[in-house]
PDB file of N, CA and C in Angstrom:
ATOM      1  N   UNK A   1      87.386  93.472  89.946  1.00  0.00           N
ATOM      2  CA  UNK A   1      88.355  94.019  89.820  1.00  0.00           C
ATOM      3  C   UNK A   1      88.564  95.895  89.892  1.00  0.00           C
ATOM      4  N   UNK A   2      89.589  96.080  90.846  1.00  0.00           N
ATOM      5  CA  UNK A   2      89.780  97.621  90.240  1.00  0.00           C
ATOM      6  C   UNK A   2      91.020  97.364  90.238  1.00  0.00           C
ATOM      7  N   UNK A   3      91.228  98.867  89.786  1.00  0.00           N
ATOM      8  CA  UNK A   3      92.603  99.260  88.797  1.00  0.00           C
ATOM      9  C   UNK A   3      93.688  98.661  89.016  1.00  0.00           C
ATOM     10  N   UNK A   4      94.676  98.306  88.766  1.00  0.00           N
ATOM     11  CA  UNK A   4      95.585  97.217  88.852  1.00  0.00           C
ATOM     12  C   UNK A   4      96.677  98.460  88.831  1.00  0.00           C
ATOM     13  N   UNK A   5      97.776  98.892  90.410  1.00  0.00           N
ATOM     14  CA  UNK A   5      98.715  99.199  90.152  1.00  0.00           C
ATOM     15  C   UNK A   5     100.249  99.221  89.671  1.00  0.00           C
ATOM     16  N   UNK A   6     100.398  99.556  88.553  1.00  0.00           N
ATOM     17  CA  UNK A   6     101.648  99.349  88.011  1.00  0.00           C
ATOM     18  C   UNK A   6     101.116  98.658  86.799  1.00  0.00           C
ATOM     19  N   UNK A   7     100.081  98.936  86.272  1.00  0.00           N
ATOM     20  CA  UNK A   7      99.582  97.861  84.923  1.00  0.00           C
ATOM     21  C   UNK A   7      99.853  99.278  83.529  1.00  0.00           C
ATOM     22  N   UNK A   8      99.392 100.141  83.609  1.00  0.00           N
ATOM     23  CA  UNK A   8      99.463 100.933  82.989  1.00  0.00           C
ATOM     24  C   UNK A   8     101.427 101.831  82.573  1.00  0.00           C
ATOM     25  N   UNK A   9     101.883 101.433  83.763  1.00  0.00           N
ATOM     26  CA  UNK A   9     103.449 101.864  83.504  1.00  0.00           C
ATOM     27  C   UNK A   9     104.259 101.158  83.164  1.00  0.00           C
ATOM     28  N   UNK A  10     103.407  99.439  83.091  1.00  0.00           N
ATOM     29  CA  UNK A  10     104.965  98.412  82.888  1.00  0.00           C
ATOM     30  C   UNK A  10     104.005  98.194  80.922  1.00  0.00           C
ATOM     31  N   UNK A  11     102.787  98.498  80.549  1.00  0.00           N
ATOM     32  CA  UNK A  11     102.749  98.790  79.487  1.00  0.00           C
ATOM     33  C   UNK A  11     103.142 100.226  78.615  1.00  0.00           C
ATOM     34  N   UNK A  12     103.542 100.888  79.351  1.00  0.00           N
ATOM     35  CA  UNK A  12     104.139 102.086  78.798  1.00  0.00           C
ATOM     36  C   UNK A  12     105.701 101.283  78.902  1.00  0.00           C
ATOM     37  N   UNK A  13     106.361 100.425  79.498  1.00  0.00           N
ATOM     38  CA  UNK A  13     107.902 100.557  79.757  1.00  0.00           C
ATOM     39  C   UNK A  13     107.995  99.739  78.284  1.00  0.00           C
ATOM     40  N   UNK A  14     106.751  98.494  78.300  1.00  0.00           N
ATOM     41  CA  UNK A  14     107.146  97.437  76.844  1.00  0.00           C
ATOM     42  C   UNK A  14     106.967  98.513  75.581  1.00  0.00           C
ATOM     43  N   UNK A  15     106.173  99.245  75.515  1.00  0.00           N
ATOM     44  CA  UNK A  15     106.262 100.662  74.402  1.00  0.00           C
ATOM     45  C   UNK A  15     107.391 101.189  74.437  1.00  0.00           C
ATOM     46  N   UNK A  16     108.438 100.976  74.968  1.00  0.00           N
ATOM     47  CA  UNK A  16     109.752 101.860  74.616  1.00  0.00           C
ATOM     48  C   UNK A  16     110.007 103.297  75.563  1.00  0.00           C
ATOM     49  N   UNK A  17     108.752 103.552  76.170  1.00  0.00           N
ATOM     50  CA  UNK A  17     108.367 105.289  76.789  1.00  0.00           C
ATOM     51  C   UNK A  17     109.237 104.861  78.455  1.00  0.00           C
ATOM     52  N   UNK A  18     109.684 106.889  78.322  1.00  0.00           N
ATOM     53  CA  UNK A  18     110.677 106.689  79.451  1.00  0.00           C
ATOM     54  C   UNK A  18     109.833 106.654  80.725  1.00  0.00           C
ATOM     55  N   UNK A  19     110.316 106.036  81.452  1.00  0.00           N
ATOM     56  CA  UNK A  19     109.600 106.401  83.005  1.00  0.00           C
ATOM     57  C   UNK A  19     110.174 106.917  84.424  1.00  0.00           C
ATOM     58  N   UNK A  20     109.573 107.662  84.863  1.00  0.00           N
ATOM     59  CA  UNK A  20     109.963 108.047  86.059  1.00  0.00           C
ATOM     60  C   UNK A  20     109.986 107.391  86.995  1.00  0.00           C
ATOM     61  N   UNK A  21     110.890 107.903  87.951  1.00  0.00           N
ATOM     62  CA  UNK A  21     111.172 106.684  89.166  1.00  0.00           C
ATOM     63  C   UNK A  21     110.449 105.976  89.872  1.00  0.00           C
ATOM     64  N   UNK A  22     109.125 106.807  90.120  1.00  0.00           N
ATOM     65  CA  UNK A  22     107.853 106.230  90.678  1.00  0.00           C
ATOM     66  C   UNK A  22     107.640 105.054  89.408  1.00  0.00           C
ATOM     67  N   UNK A  23     107.250 105.616  88.413  1.00  0.00           N
ATOM     68  CA  UNK A  23     106.264 104.646  87.178  1.00  0.00           C
ATOM     69  C   UNK A  23     107.133 103.224  87.420  1.00  0.00           C
ATOM     70  N   UNK A  24     108.039 103.476  87.255  1.00  0.00           N
ATOM     71  CA  UNK A  24     109.612 102.270  87.703  1.00  0.00           C
ATOM     72  C   UNK A  24     109.082 100.987  88.420  1.00  0.00           C
ATOM     73  N   UNK A  25     108.846 102.021  90.126  1.00  0.00           N
ATOM     74  CA  UNK A  25     108.761 101.476  90.722  1.00  0.00           C
ATOM     75  C   UNK A  25     107.267 101.034  91.084  1.00  0.00           C
ATOM     76  N   UNK A  26     106.396 101.236  90.389  1.00  0.00           N
ATOM     77  CA  UNK A  26     105.000 100.715  90.721  1.00  0.00           C
ATOM     78  C   UNK A  26     105.000  99.337  89.062  1.00  0.00           C
ATOM     79  N   UNK A  27     105.325  99.805  88.487  1.00  0.00           N
ATOM     80  CA  UNK A  27     105.922  98.584  87.284  1.00  0.00           C
ATOM     81  C   UNK A  27     106.929  97.640  87.550  1.00  0.00           C
ATOM     82  N   UNK A  28     107.612  97.452  88.568  1.00  0.00           N
ATOM     83  CA  UNK A  28     108.396  96.675  88.997  1.00  0.00           C
ATOM     84  C   UNK A  28     107.501  95.938  89.699  1.00  0.00           C
ATOM     85  N   UNK A  29     106.530  96.725  90.645  1.00  0.00           N
ATOM     86  CA  UNK A  29     105.633  95.721  91.707  1.00  0.00           C
ATOM     87  C   UNK A  29     104.792  94.877  91.173  1.00  0.00           C
ATOM     88  N   UNK A  30     104.063  95.685  90.363  1.00  0.00           N
ATOM     89  CA  UNK A  30     102.899  94.971  89.171  1.00  0.00           C
ATOM     90  C   UNK A  30     103.325  93.584  88.731  1.00  0.00           C
ATOM     91  N   UNK A  31     105.261  93.547  88.521  1.00  0.00           N
ATOM     92  CA  UNK A  31     105.676  92.509  87.642  1.00  0.00           C
ATOM     93  C   UNK A  31     105.937  91.473  88.543  1.00  0.00           C
ATOM     94  N   UNK A  32     106.615  92.155  89.557  1.00  0.00           N
ATOM     95  CA  UNK A  32     106.677  90.962  90.386  1.00  0.00           C
ATOM     96  C   UNK A  32     105.390  90.159  91.153  1.00  0.00           C
ATOM     97  N   UNK A  33     104.724  91.146  91.107  1.00  0.00           N
ATOM     98  CA  UNK A  33     102.928  90.425  91.602  1.00  0.00           C
ATOM     99  C   UNK A  33     102.562  89.507  90.412  1.00  0.00           C
ATOM    100  N   UNK A  34     103.558  89.053  89.578  1.00  0.00           N
ATOM    101  CA  UNK A  34     102.886  87.791  88.431  1.00  0.00           C
ATOM    102  C   UNK A  34     101.717  88.754  87.599  1.00  0.00           C
ATOM    103  N   UNK A  35     102.074  90.036  87.854  1.00  0.00           N
ATOM    104  CA  UNK A  35     100.451  90.904  87.130  1.00  0.00           C
ATOM    105  C   UNK A  35      99.438  90.665  87.274  1.00  0.00           C
ATOM    106  N   UNK A  36      99.025  90.470  88.447  1.00  0.00           N
ATOM    107  CA  UNK A  36      97.843  90.506  89.382  1.00  0.00           C
ATOM    108  C   UNK A  36      97.896  91.381  89.955  1.00  0.00           C
ATOM    109  N   UNK A  37      96.624  91.577  90.274  1.00  0.00           N
ATOM    110  CA  UNK A  37      95.271  93.020  90.988  1.00  0.00           C
ATOM    111  C   UNK A  37      96.627  92.282  92.162  1.00  0.00           C
ATOM    112  N   UNK A  38      96.465  93.881  93.195  1.00  0.00           N
ATOM    113  CA  UNK A  38      97.128  93.542  94.716  1.00  0.00           C
ATOM    114  C   UNK A  38      96.256  94.525  95.246  1.00  0.00           C
ATOM    115  N   UNK A  39      96.436  94.537  96.279  1.00  0.00           N
ATOM    116  CA  UNK A  39      95.469  95.069  97.046  1.00  0.00           C
ATOM    117  C   UNK A  39      95.487  95.355  98.721  1.00  0.00           C
ATOM    118  N   UNK A  40      96.718  94.597  98.620  1.00  0.00           N
ATOM    119  CA  UNK A  40      97.638  94.164 100.318  1.00  0.00           C
ATOM    120  C   UNK A  40      99.179  94.187  99.951  1.00  0.00           C
ATOM    121  N   UNK A  41      99.628  93.979 101.097  1.00  0.00           N
ATOM    122  CA  UNK A  41     100.696  93.930 101.575  1.00  0.00           C
ATOM    123  C   UNK A  41     101.413  93.182 100.661  1.00  0.00           C
ATOM    124  N   UNK A  42     102.455  92.916 100.056  1.00  0.00           N
ATOM    125  CA  UNK A  42     103.224  92.085  99.387  1.00  0.00           C
ATOM    126  C   UNK A  42     103.984  90.579  99.871  1.00  0.00           C
ATOM    127  N   UNK A  43     104.145  91.309 101.457  1.00  0.00           N
ATOM    128  CA  UNK A  43     105.099  90.754 102.491  1.00  0.00           C
ATOM    129  C   UNK A  43     106.597  90.098 101.960  1.00  0.00           C
ATOM    130  N   UNK A  44     106.653  90.986 101.052  1.00  0.00           N
ATOM    131  CA  UNK A  44     108.111  90.747 100.466  1.00  0.00           C
ATOM    132  C   UNK A  44     109.005  91.558 101.004  1.00  0.00           C
ATOM    133  N   UNK A  45     109.480  92.003 102.877  1.00  0.00           N
ATOM    134  CA  UNK A  45     110.154  92.570 103.115  1.00  0.00           C
ATOM    135  C   UNK A  45     111.672  92.821 102.706  1.00  0.00           C
ATOM    136  N   UNK A  46     112.417  91.593 102.075  1.00  0.00           N
ATOM    137  CA  UNK A  46     113.397  91.594 101.183  1.00  0.00           C
ATOM    138  C   UNK A  46     113.788  92.645 100.737  1.00  0.00           C
ATOM    139  N   UNK A  47     112.687  93.228  99.564  1.00  0.00           N
ATOM    140  CA  UNK A  47     112.693  93.220  98.240  1.00  0.00           C
ATOM    141  C   UNK A  47     112.873  95.197  98.372  1.00  0.00           C
ATOM    142  N   UNK A  48     114.131  95.221  97.894  1.00  0.00           N
ATOM    143  CA  UNK A  48     114.758  96.556  97.790  1.00  0.00           C
ATOM    144  C   UNK A  48     113.555  98.157  97.832  1.00  0.00           C
ATOM    145  N   UNK A  49     112.322  97.320  96.885  1.00  0.00           N
ATOM    146  CA  UNK A  49     111.530  98.279  96.810  1.00  0.00           C
ATOM    147  C   UNK A  49     110.142  98.402  97.753  1.00  0.00           C
ATOM    148  N   UNK A  50     110.464  97.500  98.946  1.00  0.00           N
ATOM    149  CA  UNK A  50     109.094  97.217 100.051  1.00  0.00           C
ATOM    150  C   UNK A  50     108.688  98.661 100.811  1.00  0.00           C
ATOM    151  N   UNK A  51     109.867  98.973 100.747  1.00  0.00           N
ATOM    152  CA  UNK A  51     109.666  99.795 102.009  1.00  0.00           C
ATOM    153  C   UNK A  51     109.024 101.665 101.067  1.00  0.00           C
ATOM    154  N   UNK A  52     108.811 101.284 100.107  1.00  0.00           N
ATOM    155  CA  UNK A  52     107.873 101.969  99.039  1.00  0.00           C
ATOM    156  C   UNK A  52     106.592 101.105  98.491  1.00  0.00           C
ATOM    157  N   UNK A  53     106.514 100.657  99.394  1.00  0.00           N
ATOM    158  CA  UNK A  53     105.245  99.747  98.556  1.00  0.00           C
ATOM    159  C   UNK A  53     104.044 100.144  99.207  1.00  0.00           C
ATOM    160  N   UNK A  54     103.190 100.596  97.937  1.00  0.00           N
ATOM    161  CA  UNK A  54     101.864 101.652  98.625  1.00  0.00           C
ATOM    162  C   UNK A  54     100.564 100.443  99.357  1.00  0.00           C
ATOM    163  N   UNK A  55     100.684  99.833  99.296  1.00  0.00           N
ATOM    164  CA  UNK A  55     100.223  99.041 100.320  1.00  0.00           C
ATOM    165  C   UNK A  55     100.945  97.705 102.089  1.00  0.00           C
ATOM    166  N   UNK A  56     102.190  98.489 102.084  1.00  0.00           N
ATOM    167  CA  UNK A  56     102.734  98.551 102.841  1.00  0.00           C
ATOM    168  C   UNK A  56     102.209  98.214 104.082  1.00  0.00           C
ATOM    169  N   UNK A  57     102.520  97.910 105.204  1.00  0.00           N
ATOM    170  CA  UNK A  57     101.944  97.268 106.688  1.00  0.00           C
ATOM    171  C   UNK A  57     103.018  98.375 107.099  1.00  0.00           C
ATOM    172  N   UNK A  58     102.771  99.932 107.502  1.00  0.00           N
ATOM    173  CA  UNK A  58     103.736 100.340 108.714  1.00  0.00           C
ATOM    174  C   UNK A  58     104.043  99.750 109.737  1.00  0.00           C
ATOM    175  N   UNK A  59     103.303  99.030 110.222  1.00  0.00           N
ATOM    176  CA  UNK A  59     103.251  97.953 111.739  1.00  0.00           C
ATOM    177  C   UNK A  59     104.393  97.208 111.672  1.00  0.00           C
ATOM    178  N   UNK A  60     104.754  97.101 109.869  1.00  0.00           N
ATOM    179  CA  UNK A  60     105.904  95.582 109.976  1.00  0.00           C
ATOM    180  C   UNK A  60     107.156  96.073 110.106  1.00  0.00           C
ATOM    181  N   UNK A  61     108.152  95.372 110.415  1.00  0.00           N
ATOM    182  CA  UNK A  61     109.227  95.562 110.750  1.00  0.00           C
ATOM    183  C   UNK A  61     109.790  95.355 109.166  1.00  0.00           C
ATOM    184  N   UNK A  62     111.308  96.309 108.778  1.00  0.00           N
ATOM    185  CA  UNK A  62     112.140  96.188 107.816  1.00  0.00           C
ATOM    186  C   UNK A  62     113.194  95.261 108.060  1.00  0.00           C
ATOM    187  N   UNK A  63     113.881  94.574 107.445  1.00  0.00           N
ATOM    188  CA  UNK A  63     115.103  94.123 107.927  1.00  0.00           C
ATOM    189  C   UNK A  63     115.965  95.107 108.079  1.00  0.00           C
ATOM    190  N   UNK A  64     116.986  94.699 108.781  1.00  0.00           N
ATOM    191  CA  UNK A  64     118.004  95.587 108.929  1.00  0.00           C
ATOM    192  C   UNK A  64     119.318  95.179 107.854  1.00  0.00           C
TER     193      UNK A  64
END
């Protein structure tokens, strides 16, 4: 398994550390993904953070 994006940020949050906006977004995606490795589009376009997802399919249209 490779590096899990958001794991480090989530652990920092749990320790009470302050996160940047990007770190917060990565941590949330990590938690939403069930604290599992994700190397593909999560396919949840209804999520407000989806447009920033690092594996989002750029050809997939967002809900209006």
